[in-house]
Amino acid sequence: MPHLFSPIKIKNIELKNRIVVSPMCEYSSTDGFANDWHLVHLGSRAVGGAALIITEAIAVSPEGRITYGDLGIYKDDHIENLKRITNFAHQHGAYIGTQLAHAGRKASHDLPWKGGKQVPADEPNGWHAVAPSALAFTDTEIAPIALDKAGIEKIKADFKVAAKRSLDAGFDVIELHGAHGYLINEFLSPLSNHRTDEYGGSFENRIRFLLEVIESVQEVWPAENPLFVRISATEWTEDGWTADDSVALAKVLINKGVDLIDCSSGGNVATAKIPVKPGYQVEFAEKVKKESGILTGAVGMITEPKQADEIIQEGEADLVIMAREFLRDPYFPLRAAHVLNEDVKWPLQYERAKWQ
């Protein structure tokens, strides 16, 4: 029976355990460039024993950033600094992925510790946000510009060249960010997509943009390299995207070369009431996995080794993708191995501190 420290092979990589560092925005870039903060932040999780690390959302275009502090991969100059990070992760036994993203209507905001408010396009560090429809995320924000066909084609091209740069930067996995109210999620949801063309209306039309982004990425991303998609499995809102929609999408994606669905939730409806509690999103990973047959990753207040191990042992998900606990403890996998009586390799520099 698989457990938290069972290896798992996904296409051309074999993860040494089921513990993954979730994308976590750091808002610490200038013009999209990775820097020493990102090297230490991501590198310490590689030293700490995670099998796979996924960077924060990396914007495929300047206007696709959530804030002016986001990482980017929208020009070739970004590759060198990112490659430094991937090289370090590989040297310490971890695989590393990048989460390619476009913020859609949630773009052009200030840094969270400066209030996080939307920055108007006519102010420094602001720009026009775009979306499937001219619908603002909240009543206090400026409505985005509805994308025309040329705008959609540009974004698909941006994802394609970003995927090529990801390959050149040494990333092992690409995850497409289709969750949390960002652009791909906005197309999927009937609450944010009011289009009347081939990209709106029916389920088949609303998933079209995501499928076309996947096709664009696959033109340059090798078929043997893993491709993940993160989704918001439910919007927790009446008439919104549902868990059954997620299963239906997964059944399409498994036949399009997608290897794993990273099952988060929410983020597209500002007023949604989400019943947050430990493991509150695991049920979606289990449902999508069991009803579609695709691999899934579970997220959401997973903080304890035994809790994470039970998710894998019970077959609720194939990977445990953790965020905040990794901010508190970069060495969670080493601690988990001790708690679960697993013998794992420690960094030589840290061997003298290994639990006996």
Protein backbone atom coordinates (compact mmCIF):
# COMPACT_ATOMS: atom_id res chain seq x y z
CA MET A 1 0.00 0.00 0.00
CA PRO A 2 1.43 3.43 -0.89
CA HIS A 3 2.31 5.73 1.99
CA LEU A 4 3.81 9.20 2.41
CA PHE A 5 7.34 7.99 1.74
CA SER A 6 6.55 5.66 -1.15
CA PRO A 7 8.18 6.72 -4.42
CA ILE A 8 5.91 7.48 -7.35
CA LYS A 9 6.82 7.66 -11.03
CA ILE A 10 5.12 10.28 -13.18
CA LYS A 11 6.30 10.07 -16.76
CA ASN A 12 10.06 10.67 -16.77
CA ILE A 13 10.49 11.55 -13.08
CA GLU A 14 10.33 9.40 -9.96
CA LEU A 15 9.52 11.30 -6.80
CA LYS A 16 11.23 9.90 -3.70
CA ASN A 17 8.17 10.62 -1.55
CA ARG A 18 4.66 12.08 -1.92
CA ILE A 19 5.46 15.46 -0.35
CA VAL A 20 5.26 18.50 -2.63
CA VAL A 21 5.88 22.17 -1.90
CA SER A 22 2.85 24.08 -3.11
CA PRO A 23 3.18 27.31 -5.11
CA MET A 24 3.34 30.24 -2.68
CA CYS A 25 3.58 33.79 -3.96
CA GLU A 26 6.45 35.71 -2.35
CA TYR A 27 5.87 39.09 -4.04
CA SER A 28 9.60 39.71 -3.90
CA SER A 29 10.66 40.22 -7.53
CA THR A 30 11.61 43.27 -9.54
CA ASP A 31 10.44 43.10 -13.15
CA GLY A 32 9.79 39.37 -12.75
CA PHE A 33 13.38 38.42 -11.93
CA ALA A 34 14.15 35.68 -9.41
CA ASN A 35 16.72 36.71 -6.82
CA ASP A 36 18.50 35.44 -3.72
CA TRP A 37 15.23 35.36 -1.76
CA HIS A 38 13.77 32.84 -4.21
CA LEU A 39 16.95 30.77 -4.23
CA VAL A 40 16.96 30.46 -0.45
CA HIS A 41 13.19 30.07 -0.11
CA LEU A 42 12.93 27.28 -2.68
CA GLY A 43 16.38 25.82 -2.06
CA SER A 44 15.79 25.31 1.64
CA ARG A 45 12.76 23.16 0.84
CA ALA A 46 14.94 21.01 -1.43
CA VAL A 47 17.46 20.59 1.38
CA GLY A 48 14.52 19.80 3.66
CA GLY A 49 13.58 16.67 1.74
CA ALA A 50 10.57 17.60 -0.41
CA ALA A 51 10.34 15.39 -3.48
CA LEU A 52 8.97 18.15 -5.71
CA ILE A 53 8.96 21.91 -5.32
CA ILE A 54 6.65 24.08 -7.39
CA THR A 55 7.52 27.75 -7.67
CA GLU A 56 5.06 30.48 -6.97
CA ALA A 57 2.85 31.51 -9.88
CA ILE A 58 5.20 32.75 -12.61
CA ALA A 59 3.52 35.27 -14.87
CA VAL A 60 3.61 34.57 -18.60
CA SER A 61 3.36 38.30 -19.35
CA PRO A 62 3.88 41.55 -17.41
CA GLU A 63 0.15 42.24 -17.44
CA GLY A 64 -0.47 38.70 -16.19
CA ARG A 65 1.13 39.44 -12.81
CA ILE A 66 -0.99 39.69 -9.67
CA THR A 67 1.37 42.38 -8.36
CA TYR A 68 4.46 44.17 -9.58
CA GLY A 69 6.42 41.91 -7.20
CA ASP A 70 5.51 38.63 -8.92
CA LEU A 71 7.98 36.28 -10.55
CA GLY A 72 7.88 36.32 -14.33
CA ILE A 73 9.01 34.27 -17.27
CA TYR A 74 8.01 36.72 -19.97
CA LYS A 75 11.48 37.40 -21.32
CA ASP A 76 14.60 35.36 -22.01
CA ASP A 77 16.59 37.34 -19.44
CA HIS A 78 14.58 35.64 -16.67
CA ILE A 79 16.01 32.21 -17.50
CA GLU A 80 19.48 32.59 -15.99
CA ASN A 81 18.32 33.33 -12.43
CA LEU A 82 15.67 30.61 -12.56
CA LYS A 83 18.25 28.10 -13.76
CA ARG A 84 20.37 28.82 -10.70
CA ILE A 85 17.41 27.71 -8.57
CA THR A 86 16.62 24.57 -10.56
CA ASN A 87 20.28 23.55 -10.50
CA PHE A 88 20.38 23.89 -6.72
CA ALA A 89 17.19 21.86 -6.27
CA HIS A 90 18.56 19.07 -8.47
CA GLN A 91 21.85 19.02 -6.58
CA HIS A 92 19.90 18.31 -3.39
CA GLY A 93 17.71 15.52 -4.68
CA ALA A 94 14.52 17.40 -5.49
CA TYR A 95 12.60 17.87 -8.69
CA ILE A 96 11.29 21.33 -9.36
CA GLY A 97 8.30 22.62 -11.27
CA THR A 98 7.00 25.99 -12.30
CA GLN A 99 3.42 27.20 -12.11
CA LEU A 100 2.67 29.18 -15.27
CA ALA A 101 -0.02 31.75 -14.62
CA HIS A 102 -1.98 34.75 -15.79
CA ALA A 103 -3.86 36.72 -13.13
CA GLY A 104 -6.69 37.90 -15.38
CA ARG A 105 -9.01 40.34 -13.60
CA LYS A 106 -7.05 39.88 -10.34
CA ALA A 107 -3.96 41.52 -11.85
CA SER A 108 -2.43 44.94 -11.07
CA HIS A 109 -2.58 44.89 -7.28
CA ASP A 110 -0.28 46.28 -4.64
CA LEU A 111 1.85 44.04 -2.45
CA PRO A 112 -0.13 42.31 0.35
CA TRP A 113 1.85 44.00 3.12
CA LYS A 114 1.03 47.35 1.51
CA GLY A 115 -2.69 46.64 1.59
CA GLY A 116 -3.03 44.61 -1.61
CA LYS A 117 -5.49 46.99 -3.24
CA GLN A 118 -5.97 47.21 -6.98
CA VAL A 119 -3.59 49.69 -8.61
CA PRO A 120 -5.28 51.72 -11.39
CA ALA A 121 -3.60 51.71 -14.79
CA ASP A 122 -2.80 55.42 -14.63
CA GLU A 123 -0.78 55.05 -11.41
CA PRO A 124 2.81 53.79 -11.01
CA ASN A 125 2.98 49.97 -10.95
CA GLY A 126 -0.51 49.70 -12.42
CA TRP A 127 -1.86 48.40 -15.73
CA HIS A 128 -5.12 47.36 -17.36
CA ALA A 129 -6.35 43.93 -16.31
CA VAL A 130 -7.98 41.63 -18.87
CA ALA A 131 -10.51 38.84 -18.42
CA PRO A 132 -13.05 36.72 -20.31
CA SER A 133 -15.73 39.30 -19.49
CA ALA A 134 -15.74 42.87 -18.21
CA LEU A 135 -16.73 41.80 -14.70
CA ALA A 136 -14.78 43.09 -11.70
CA PHE A 137 -13.82 40.71 -8.89
CA THR A 138 -15.34 43.05 -6.27
CA ASP A 139 -17.67 46.03 -6.38
CA THR A 140 -14.81 48.33 -5.38
CA GLU A 141 -12.50 47.36 -8.24
CA ILE A 142 -12.23 48.58 -11.81
CA ALA A 143 -13.75 46.18 -14.33
CA PRO A 144 -11.21 44.40 -16.56
CA ILE A 145 -11.09 44.67 -20.33
CA ALA A 146 -12.93 41.78 -22.00
CA LEU A 147 -10.53 39.86 -24.19
CA ASP A 148 -11.08 39.84 -27.92
CA LYS A 149 -9.87 37.01 -30.17
CA ALA A 150 -6.52 38.70 -30.75
CA GLY A 151 -6.03 39.04 -26.99
CA ILE A 152 -6.79 35.36 -26.44
CA GLU A 153 -4.35 34.35 -29.16
CA LYS A 154 -1.63 36.52 -27.58
CA ILE A 155 -2.08 34.90 -24.19
CA LYS A 156 -1.94 31.41 -25.69
CA ALA A 157 1.31 32.42 -27.40
CA ASP A 158 2.59 33.81 -24.09
CA PHE A 159 1.98 30.45 -22.38
CA LYS A 160 3.77 28.66 -25.22
CA VAL A 161 6.94 30.72 -25.07
CA ALA A 162 6.85 30.61 -21.25
CA ALA A 163 6.79 26.80 -21.45
CA LYS A 164 9.86 26.87 -23.73
CA ARG A 165 11.66 29.15 -21.30
CA SER A 166 10.66 26.81 -18.44
CA LEU A 167 12.34 23.96 -20.27
CA ASP A 168 15.45 26.05 -20.90
CA ALA A 169 15.52 27.04 -17.22
CA GLY A 170 15.68 23.38 -16.17
CA PHE A 171 12.21 22.85 -14.74
CA ASP A 172 11.01 19.25 -14.57
CA VAL A 173 7.27 19.89 -14.30
CA ILE A 174 4.87 22.55 -15.54
CA GLU A 175 1.70 23.27 -13.60
CA LEU A 176 -0.88 25.46 -15.31
CA HIS A 177 -2.67 27.70 -12.82
CA GLY A 178 -6.37 27.22 -13.42
CA ALA A 179 -7.53 28.03 -9.89
CA HIS A 180 -8.19 30.83 -7.39
CA GLY A 181 -9.98 33.23 -9.68
CA TYR A 182 -7.13 33.85 -12.09
CA LEU A 183 -7.54 33.93 -15.86
CA ILE A 184 -8.00 30.23 -16.69
CA ASN A 185 -10.37 29.84 -13.73
CA GLU A 186 -12.28 32.90 -14.92
CA PHE A 187 -12.89 31.21 -18.27
CA LEU A 188 -14.02 27.97 -16.59
CA SER A 189 -16.56 29.56 -14.27
CA PRO A 190 -20.05 30.59 -15.43
CA LEU A 191 -19.93 33.29 -12.75
CA SER A 192 -17.01 35.16 -14.35
CA ASN A 193 -17.42 34.08 -17.96
CA HIS A 194 -20.44 35.69 -19.62
CA ARG A 195 -19.15 35.38 -23.16
CA THR A 196 -21.48 34.47 -26.01
CA ASP A 197 -18.83 33.23 -28.45
CA GLU A 198 -17.10 29.83 -28.61
CA TYR A 199 -15.34 30.54 -25.28
CA GLY A 200 -18.50 31.04 -23.23
CA GLY A 201 -21.85 29.52 -22.35
CA SER A 202 -21.68 25.73 -22.32
CA PHE A 203 -19.23 23.65 -20.28
CA GLU A 204 -17.49 22.63 -23.50
CA ASN A 205 -17.04 26.26 -24.52
CA ARG A 206 -15.85 27.43 -21.09
CA ILE A 207 -13.10 24.78 -20.94
CA ARG A 208 -11.96 25.60 -24.48
CA PHE A 209 -9.43 28.26 -23.45
CA LEU A 210 -7.72 25.89 -21.01
CA LEU A 211 -7.57 23.14 -23.63
CA GLU A 212 -6.06 25.51 -26.17
CA VAL A 213 -3.48 26.72 -23.63
CA ILE A 214 -2.55 23.08 -22.99
CA GLU A 215 -2.16 22.46 -26.71
CA SER A 216 0.04 25.55 -27.05
CA VAL A 217 2.25 24.44 -24.17
CA GLN A 218 2.52 20.91 -25.53
CA GLU A 219 3.95 22.24 -28.79
CA VAL A 220 7.19 22.97 -26.93
CA TRP A 221 6.95 20.99 -23.66
CA PRO A 222 8.22 17.41 -24.20
CA ALA A 223 5.53 14.72 -24.00
CA GLU A 224 7.66 12.75 -21.53
CA ASN A 225 7.74 15.67 -19.07
CA PRO A 226 4.93 15.88 -16.48
CA LEU A 227 2.17 18.42 -16.96
CA PHE A 228 -0.09 19.32 -14.03
CA VAL A 229 -3.14 21.57 -13.83
CA ARG A 230 -4.30 23.29 -10.66
CA ILE A 231 -8.04 23.86 -10.41
CA SER A 232 -10.51 25.29 -7.95
CA ALA A 233 -12.58 22.13 -7.61
CA THR A 234 -15.57 24.09 -6.34
CA GLU A 235 -16.46 27.76 -6.00
CA TRP A 236 -18.51 27.16 -2.83
CA THR A 237 -21.20 29.27 -4.51
CA GLU A 238 -24.62 28.49 -5.96
CA ASP A 239 -24.62 28.26 -9.76
CA GLY A 240 -20.83 28.27 -9.84
CA TRP A 241 -18.26 25.66 -10.83
CA THR A 242 -18.82 22.39 -8.94
CA ALA A 243 -16.94 19.26 -7.96
CA ASP A 244 -18.89 17.37 -10.64
CA ASP A 245 -17.64 19.89 -13.20
CA SER A 246 -14.13 19.17 -11.97
CA VAL A 247 -14.58 15.46 -12.55
CA ALA A 248 -15.92 16.14 -16.04
CA LEU A 249 -12.91 18.37 -16.76
CA ALA A 250 -10.50 15.75 -15.41
CA LYS A 251 -11.97 13.15 -17.75
CA VAL A 252 -11.14 15.46 -20.65
CA LEU A 253 -7.68 16.39 -19.38
CA ILE A 254 -6.52 12.82 -18.79
CA ASN A 255 -6.99 12.25 -22.52
CA LYS A 256 -5.14 15.48 -23.38
CA GLY A 257 -1.84 14.46 -21.80
CA VAL A 258 -2.35 16.05 -18.38
CA ASP A 259 -0.83 13.87 -15.66
CA LEU A 260 -2.18 15.27 -12.39
CA ILE A 261 -4.89 17.61 -11.10
CA ASP A 262 -3.89 19.78 -8.14
CA CYS A 263 -7.24 20.13 -6.36
CA SER A 264 -7.69 23.41 -4.55
CA SER A 265 -10.93 25.42 -4.32
CA GLY A 266 -12.44 28.90 -4.18
CA GLY A 267 -10.88 32.23 -5.05
CA ASN A 268 -13.17 33.35 -7.87
CA VAL A 269 -16.07 34.64 -5.76
CA ALA A 270 -15.18 37.29 -3.21
CA THR A 271 -18.25 36.56 -1.05
CA ALA A 272 -17.95 32.76 -0.97
CA LYS A 273 -18.34 31.14 2.44
CA ILE A 274 -15.65 28.46 2.68
CA PRO A 275 -15.77 26.00 5.61
CA VAL A 276 -12.05 26.03 6.35
CA LYS A 277 -10.79 23.25 8.61
CA PRO A 278 -7.91 20.75 8.56
CA GLY A 279 -7.95 18.83 5.29
CA TYR A 280 -11.08 20.61 4.07
CA GLN A 281 -10.19 20.21 0.38
CA VAL A 282 -8.98 16.60 0.45
CA GLU A 283 -12.45 15.34 -0.51
CA PHE A 284 -12.12 17.00 -3.90
CA ALA A 285 -8.81 15.30 -4.66
CA GLU A 286 -10.41 11.98 -3.69
CA LYS A 287 -13.52 12.55 -5.80
CA VAL A 288 -11.61 13.64 -8.91
CA LYS A 289 -9.15 10.76 -8.56
CA LYS A 290 -11.74 8.05 -8.05
CA GLU A 291 -14.27 9.25 -10.62
CA SER A 292 -11.87 10.18 -13.43
CA GLY A 293 -8.83 7.95 -12.92
CA ILE A 294 -6.34 10.81 -13.09
CA LEU A 295 -3.64 11.36 -10.47
CA THR A 296 -4.47 14.08 -7.95
CA GLY A 297 -2.77 16.22 -5.36
CA ALA A 298 -4.49 17.15 -2.09
CA VAL A 299 -4.11 20.60 -0.52
CA GLY A 300 -5.63 22.64 2.28
CA MET A 301 -4.54 22.84 5.91
CA ILE A 302 -2.48 19.65 5.82
CA THR A 303 -0.06 20.19 8.66
CA GLU A 304 0.75 16.92 10.45
CA PRO A 305 2.79 13.91 9.29
CA LYS A 306 0.16 11.34 10.23
CA GLN A 307 -2.58 13.39 8.57
CA ALA A 308 -0.54 13.55 5.35
CA ASP A 309 0.31 9.85 5.51
CA GLU A 310 -3.33 8.85 5.96
CA ILE A 311 -4.33 10.79 2.84
CA ILE A 312 -1.95 8.66 0.78
CA GLN A 313 -2.68 5.39 2.57
CA GLU A 314 -6.43 5.84 2.21
CA GLY A 315 -6.06 6.50 -1.51
CA GLU A 316 -7.57 9.96 -1.25
CA ALA A 317 -4.78 11.49 -3.36
CA ASP A 318 -1.46 10.58 -4.91
CA LEU A 319 0.49 13.59 -3.66
CA VAL A 320 0.20 15.86 -0.64
CA ILE A 321 0.84 19.44 -1.74
CA MET A 322 1.61 21.67 1.23
CA ALA A 323 1.99 25.42 1.58
CA ARG A 324 1.80 27.17 4.95
CA GLU A 325 3.31 24.31 6.91
CA PHE A 326 6.37 24.57 4.68
CA LEU A 327 6.63 28.26 5.56
CA ARG A 328 6.70 27.27 9.22
CA ASP A 329 8.99 24.29 8.70
CA PRO A 330 11.14 23.98 5.56
CA TYR A 331 12.27 20.58 6.84
CA PHE A 332 8.82 19.09 7.29
CA PRO A 333 9.72 15.91 5.31
CA LEU A 334 12.62 15.16 7.66
CA ARG A 335 10.38 15.66 10.69
CA ALA A 336 7.63 13.57 9.11
CA ALA A 337 10.05 10.74 8.46
CA HIS A 338 11.02 10.74 12.12
CA VAL A 339 7.39 10.76 13.30
CA LEU A 340 6.47 7.95 10.87
CA ASN A 341 9.61 5.89 11.59
CA GLU A 342 10.90 6.18 8.04
CA ASP A 343 14.61 6.13 7.30
CA VAL A 344 15.44 8.93 4.87
CA LYS A 345 18.66 10.49 3.69
CA TRP A 346 19.60 13.72 5.44
CA PRO A 347 21.90 16.36 3.95
CA LEU A 348 25.46 15.53 4.98
CA GLN A 349 25.81 18.96 6.53
CA TYR A 350 22.87 18.22 8.84
CA GLU A 351 23.56 14.56 9.69
CA ARG A 352 24.79 15.38 13.19
CA ALA A 353 21.35 16.76 14.01
CA LYS A 354 19.47 13.68 12.76
CA TRP A 355 16.99 12.16 15.20
CA GLN A 356 18.21 8.86 16.58
